[in-house]
């Protein structure tokens, strides 16, 4: 039940089609209002990034809040409105024509920390949309990483979902590069540490075989039972990435559980849940 979103009026500013689809589902489920054009009544502007000196509305009383899509996802996950300040999008600084020729110049980005210091990244644009490319670039540069202009020699290879040559989940390619999706940055920044995908089985942080969200899961609702901590977190994150919802009630279509000896399993049978 996401009724805590009822008072929110949302405006999506320059988000990808994938983000827009997911955000619209969450907003509709929570009975919040979505507007196609910005208005003064808007409470939250959801965007991957904002331009330098870009202002929405009059700015009175600190509103509207300008946040990334992760604010809505995380709020729905925790079933409460989270502090907006923690989800402020990166600011894209204006560049002169000379600087614009080299979009990878670190001097154009305000540094927020050294989380990715001495780590090098190559962005494989083949299966990435513009928003994910920009988000990956800003994440690397704002946290002191190195953007490589060539694939060879980089530590990490950033790839998108839906690679036609998918041969299974791999954390490394034949050149020894670690393979990640843009979602990897979100988790690293959130927990302030470099996530080791070879050690932890974070499937949702790897490129997935098909473009997400998957249409087949559009109206599916998954319940999760019997899992806790990191394991549960990974399952719920993967459910959201593929485009489904996570909750347990009579509308739940599938239950993921590690044992039949639990209350939710019995209830799922009475609900005729898969």
Protein backbone atom coordinates (compact mmCIF):
# COMPACT_ATOMS: atom_id res chain seq x y z
CA UNK A 1 0.00 0.00 0.00
CA UNK A 2 1.72 3.18 -1.23
CA UNK A 3 -0.95 5.69 -0.14
CA UNK A 4 1.77 7.85 1.39
CA UNK A 5 2.37 9.03 -2.21
CA UNK A 6 -1.15 10.42 -2.54
CA UNK A 7 -0.06 14.00 -1.74
CA UNK A 8 2.75 13.94 -4.32
CA UNK A 9 2.48 15.68 -7.69
CA UNK A 10 5.24 14.40 -9.96
CA UNK A 11 6.88 15.81 -13.07
CA UNK A 12 9.32 13.65 -15.05
CA UNK A 13 12.12 15.72 -16.55
CA UNK A 14 14.39 14.13 -19.17
CA UNK A 15 14.13 10.54 -17.95
CA UNK A 16 14.57 7.48 -20.15
CA UNK A 17 11.58 5.55 -21.47
CA UNK A 18 12.49 2.71 -19.09
CA UNK A 19 12.58 5.05 -16.08
CA UNK A 20 9.33 6.73 -17.13
CA UNK A 21 7.55 3.40 -17.45
CA UNK A 22 8.69 2.20 -14.02
CA UNK A 23 8.03 5.54 -12.31
CA UNK A 24 4.55 5.78 -13.83
CA UNK A 25 3.62 2.35 -12.51
CA UNK A 26 4.82 3.20 -9.00
CA UNK A 27 3.12 6.60 -9.04
CA UNK A 28 -0.20 5.19 -10.27
CA UNK A 29 -0.07 2.41 -7.69
CA UNK A 30 0.48 5.02 -4.99
CA UNK A 31 -2.35 7.27 -6.24
CA UNK A 32 0.01 10.20 -6.83
CA UNK A 33 -0.52 12.68 -9.67
CA UNK A 34 1.68 12.91 -12.77
CA UNK A 35 1.73 16.06 -14.90
CA UNK A 36 3.08 16.21 -18.45
CA UNK A 37 4.17 19.87 -18.22
CA UNK A 38 5.74 21.57 -15.23
CA UNK A 39 3.34 23.55 -13.03
CA UNK A 40 3.77 25.43 -9.76
CA UNK A 41 1.76 22.77 -7.91
CA UNK A 42 4.42 20.11 -8.62
CA UNK A 43 5.96 18.71 -5.41
CA UNK A 44 8.68 16.54 -6.95
CA UNK A 45 10.67 16.80 -10.17
CA UNK A 46 12.18 13.40 -11.04
CA UNK A 47 15.25 13.52 -13.27
CA UNK A 48 18.59 11.78 -13.81
CA UNK A 49 20.47 15.08 -13.91
CA UNK A 50 19.93 18.83 -13.98
CA UNK A 51 21.73 21.55 -15.89
CA UNK A 52 23.80 24.13 -14.10
CA UNK A 53 21.61 27.00 -12.82
CA UNK A 54 18.44 25.15 -13.89
CA UNK A 55 15.51 26.12 -11.65
CA UNK A 56 12.02 24.65 -11.44
CA UNK A 57 9.28 27.02 -10.29
CA UNK A 58 9.83 29.87 -7.85
CA UNK A 59 11.79 27.71 -5.42
CA UNK A 60 9.77 28.89 -2.44
CA UNK A 61 9.76 26.74 0.71
CA UNK A 62 12.33 24.43 -0.86
CA UNK A 63 9.83 23.09 -3.38
CA UNK A 64 9.59 21.44 -5.71
CA UNK A 65 12.05 18.79 -4.59
CA UNK A 66 14.36 17.70 -7.41
CA UNK A 67 15.26 14.02 -7.04
CA UNK A 68 16.51 11.00 -8.99
CA UNK A 69 14.22 8.04 -9.86
CA UNK A 70 15.87 6.15 -7.01
CA UNK A 71 13.98 8.37 -4.53
CA UNK A 72 10.64 7.00 -5.72
CA UNK A 73 11.90 3.42 -5.92
CA UNK A 74 13.45 3.55 -2.45
CA UNK A 75 10.44 5.31 -0.91
CA UNK A 76 8.14 2.62 -2.29
CA UNK A 77 10.52 -0.08 -1.07
CA UNK A 78 10.47 1.31 2.47
CA UNK A 79 6.82 2.45 2.27
CA UNK A 80 7.49 6.00 3.43
CA UNK A 81 8.63 9.28 1.91
CA UNK A 82 12.42 9.35 2.25
CA UNK A 83 14.49 12.49 2.75
CA UNK A 84 14.76 14.12 -0.66
CA UNK A 85 18.15 15.73 -0.04
CA UNK A 86 19.83 12.31 -0.18
CA UNK A 87 18.58 11.75 -3.73
CA UNK A 88 19.59 14.99 -5.43
CA UNK A 89 20.59 14.43 -9.08
CA UNK A 90 24.05 15.38 -10.37
CA UNK A 91 24.51 18.84 -11.87
CA UNK A 92 25.78 19.03 -15.45
CA UNK A 93 28.08 22.00 -15.76
CA UNK A 94 28.01 24.19 -18.83
CA UNK A 95 31.03 23.80 -21.10
CA UNK A 96 32.63 26.04 -23.67
CA UNK A 97 32.70 24.69 -27.26
CA UNK A 98 36.37 23.80 -26.74
CA UNK A 99 35.66 21.78 -23.60
CA UNK A 100 32.61 20.20 -25.18
CA UNK A 101 34.87 18.40 -27.68
CA UNK A 102 36.23 16.42 -24.76
CA UNK A 103 33.20 15.35 -22.71
CA UNK A 104 35.40 13.28 -20.44
CA UNK A 105 37.36 16.17 -18.89
CA UNK A 106 37.33 15.72 -15.14
CA UNK A 107 37.69 19.45 -14.52
CA UNK A 108 34.12 19.96 -15.75
CA UNK A 109 32.66 17.88 -12.90
CA UNK A 110 32.43 18.72 -9.21
CA UNK A 111 34.08 15.95 -7.20
CA UNK A 112 31.98 14.41 -4.42
CA UNK A 113 34.48 11.84 -3.13
CA UNK A 114 37.18 9.33 -4.00
CA UNK A 115 35.07 6.16 -4.04
CA UNK A 116 36.34 5.14 -7.50
CA UNK A 117 39.84 6.58 -7.18
CA UNK A 118 42.39 4.86 -9.48
CA UNK A 119 39.63 2.73 -11.08
CA UNK A 120 39.20 3.07 -14.85
CA UNK A 121 35.94 2.63 -16.75
CA UNK A 122 34.97 2.24 -20.40
CA UNK A 123 31.37 2.98 -21.42
CA UNK A 124 30.14 0.58 -24.10
CA UNK A 125 27.39 2.70 -25.66
CA UNK A 126 25.99 -0.09 -27.86
CA UNK A 127 23.13 -1.03 -25.51
CA UNK A 128 22.95 2.05 -23.28
CA UNK A 129 20.45 4.86 -23.63
CA UNK A 130 21.57 8.49 -23.37
CA UNK A 131 20.42 8.81 -19.75
CA UNK A 132 22.42 5.76 -18.62
CA UNK A 133 25.50 6.95 -20.53
CA UNK A 134 25.33 10.35 -18.84
CA UNK A 135 24.61 8.85 -15.43
CA UNK A 136 27.59 6.48 -15.73
CA UNK A 137 29.88 9.27 -16.87
CA UNK A 138 28.90 11.56 -14.01
CA UNK A 139 29.14 8.78 -11.43
CA UNK A 140 32.70 7.98 -12.48
CA UNK A 141 33.87 11.56 -12.62
CA UNK A 142 32.15 12.82 -9.47
CA UNK A 143 33.75 10.03 -7.43
CA UNK A 144 37.30 10.41 -8.80
CA UNK A 145 37.24 7.54 -11.28
CA UNK A 146 38.95 7.54 -14.66
CA UNK A 147 36.96 7.44 -17.90
CA UNK A 148 38.88 5.57 -20.56
CA UNK A 149 38.39 6.56 -24.20
CA UNK A 150 39.43 3.08 -25.31
CA UNK A 151 38.16 -0.29 -24.16
CA UNK A 152 41.64 -1.78 -23.84
CA UNK A 153 43.28 -1.33 -20.46
CA UNK A 154 40.18 -0.24 -18.50
CA UNK A 155 39.31 -2.01 -15.24
CA UNK A 156 35.54 -1.95 -15.70
CA UNK A 157 33.33 -2.32 -18.77
CA UNK A 158 29.93 -0.60 -18.45
CA UNK A 159 27.26 -2.33 -20.55
CA UNK A 160 23.51 -2.08 -20.91
CA UNK A 161 20.78 -4.69 -20.87
CA UNK A 162 19.72 -6.51 -24.01
CA UNK A 163 23.03 -7.55 -25.55
CA UNK A 164 22.27 -9.80 -28.51
CA UNK A 165 25.43 -11.79 -27.77
CA UNK A 166 24.39 -12.69 -24.23
CA UNK A 167 26.07 -15.95 -23.16
CA UNK A 168 25.11 -16.07 -19.51
CA UNK A 169 25.91 -13.92 -16.49
CA UNK A 170 29.60 -13.11 -16.47
CA UNK A 171 31.46 -10.85 -14.05
CA UNK A 172 34.53 -10.74 -16.31
CA UNK A 173 35.19 -10.87 -20.04
CA UNK A 174 38.04 -12.63 -21.80
CA UNK A 175 40.24 -9.54 -21.38
CA UNK A 176 39.84 -9.68 -17.60
CA UNK A 177 37.64 -6.58 -17.39
CA UNK A 178 34.90 -6.54 -14.77
CA UNK A 179 31.47 -6.21 -16.41
CA UNK A 180 28.89 -3.94 -14.76
CA UNK A 181 25.63 -2.19 -15.57
CA UNK A 182 24.86 1.44 -14.61
CA UNK A 183 22.87 0.03 -11.67
CA UNK A 184 26.21 -0.94 -10.08
CA UNK A 185 27.00 2.74 -9.51
CA UNK A 186 23.72 3.31 -7.68
CA UNK A 187 24.49 0.63 -5.10
CA UNK A 188 28.15 1.59 -4.69
CA UNK A 189 27.27 5.23 -4.06
CA UNK A 190 24.37 4.32 -1.78
CA UNK A 191 26.52 2.11 0.47
CA UNK A 192 29.74 4.12 -0.03
CA UNK A 193 31.83 1.13 -1.08
CA UNK A 194 32.95 -0.58 -4.28
CA UNK A 195 30.75 -3.66 -4.70
CA UNK A 196 32.69 -6.80 -5.59
CA UNK A 197 30.49 -8.70 -8.06
CA UNK A 198 32.83 -11.69 -8.03
CA UNK A 199 32.26 -12.11 -4.30
CA UNK A 200 28.55 -11.28 -4.06
CA UNK A 201 25.87 -12.63 -6.39
CA UNK A 202 24.28 -9.30 -7.34
CA UNK A 203 22.67 -10.43 -10.58
CA UNK A 204 20.68 -7.21 -10.96
CA UNK A 205 23.92 -5.17 -11.07
CA UNK A 206 25.12 -7.13 -14.11
CA UNK A 207 23.83 -6.50 -17.65
CA UNK A 208 20.66 -8.55 -18.14
CA UNK A 209 19.90 -10.51 -21.34
CA UNK A 210 16.88 -8.42 -22.37
CA UNK A 211 15.99 -4.76 -22.21
CA UNK A 212 14.44 -3.91 -18.87
CA UNK A 213 11.77 -3.63 -17.69
CA UNK A 214 10.45 -6.87 -19.22
CA UNK A 215 6.91 -6.40 -20.63
CA UNK A 216 5.91 -9.91 -19.46
CA UNK A 217 6.29 -8.79 -15.83
CA UNK A 218 4.39 -5.51 -16.22
CA UNK A 219 1.36 -6.60 -14.18
CA UNK A 220 3.08 -9.13 -11.94
CA UNK A 221 3.33 -8.71 -8.17
CA UNK A 222 5.84 -10.82 -6.26
CA UNK A 223 5.87 -11.60 -2.56
CA UNK A 224 9.09 -12.66 -0.82
CA UNK A 225 9.21 -14.87 2.27
CA UNK A 226 11.87 -16.72 4.24
CA UNK A 227 14.76 -14.55 3.08
CA UNK A 228 16.49 -11.84 5.08
CA UNK A 229 19.29 -9.31 4.88
CA UNK A 230 21.42 -9.19 1.75
CA UNK A 231 19.71 -12.17 0.14
CA UNK A 232 16.25 -10.62 0.42
CA UNK A 233 17.56 -7.26 -0.73
CA UNK A 234 18.99 -8.78 -3.92
CA UNK A 235 15.75 -10.65 -4.71
CA UNK A 236 13.59 -7.56 -4.23
CA UNK A 237 15.95 -5.36 -6.27
CA UNK A 238 15.93 -7.87 -9.14
CA UNK A 239 12.13 -7.98 -9.07
CA UNK A 240 11.97 -4.20 -9.41
CA UNK A 241 14.59 -4.14 -12.18
CA UNK A 242 12.60 -6.55 -14.38
CA UNK A 243 9.52 -4.34 -13.99
CA UNK A 244 7.42 -6.20 -11.41
CA UNK A 245 6.21 -5.03 -8.00
CA UNK A 246 7.00 -6.41 -4.55
CA UNK A 247 4.29 -6.77 -1.95
CA UNK A 248 2.15 -9.54 -0.47
CA UNK A 249 -1.64 -9.42 -0.48
CA UNK A 250 -4.54 -10.95 -2.41
CA UNK A 251 -3.29 -9.26 -5.59
CA UNK A 252 0.13 -10.96 -5.40
CA UNK A 253 0.66 -13.16 -8.47
CA UNK A 254 3.79 -15.04 -7.34
CA UNK A 255 5.41 -15.93 -4.02
CA UNK A 256 9.16 -16.57 -3.76
CA UNK A 257 9.88 -18.52 -0.58
CA UNK A 258 12.58 -20.88 0.67
CA UNK A 259 10.23 -23.15 2.60
CA UNK A 260 6.62 -24.27 2.58
CA UNK A 261 6.51 -24.03 6.36
CA UNK A 262 5.58 -20.37 6.61
CA UNK A 263 2.38 -18.38 7.03
CA UNK A 264 2.75 -16.63 3.69
CA UNK A 265 2.89 -19.93 1.82
CA UNK A 266 -0.38 -21.04 3.37
CA UNK A 267 -1.99 -17.69 2.60
CA UNK A 268 -0.65 -17.78 -0.96
CA UNK A 269 -2.40 -21.10 -1.51
CA UNK A 270 -5.66 -19.64 -0.28
CA UNK A 271 -5.12 -16.62 -2.59
CA UNK A 272 -4.33 -19.02 -5.48
CA UNK A 273 -0.93 -17.38 -5.86
CA UNK A 274 1.68 -19.12 -8.04
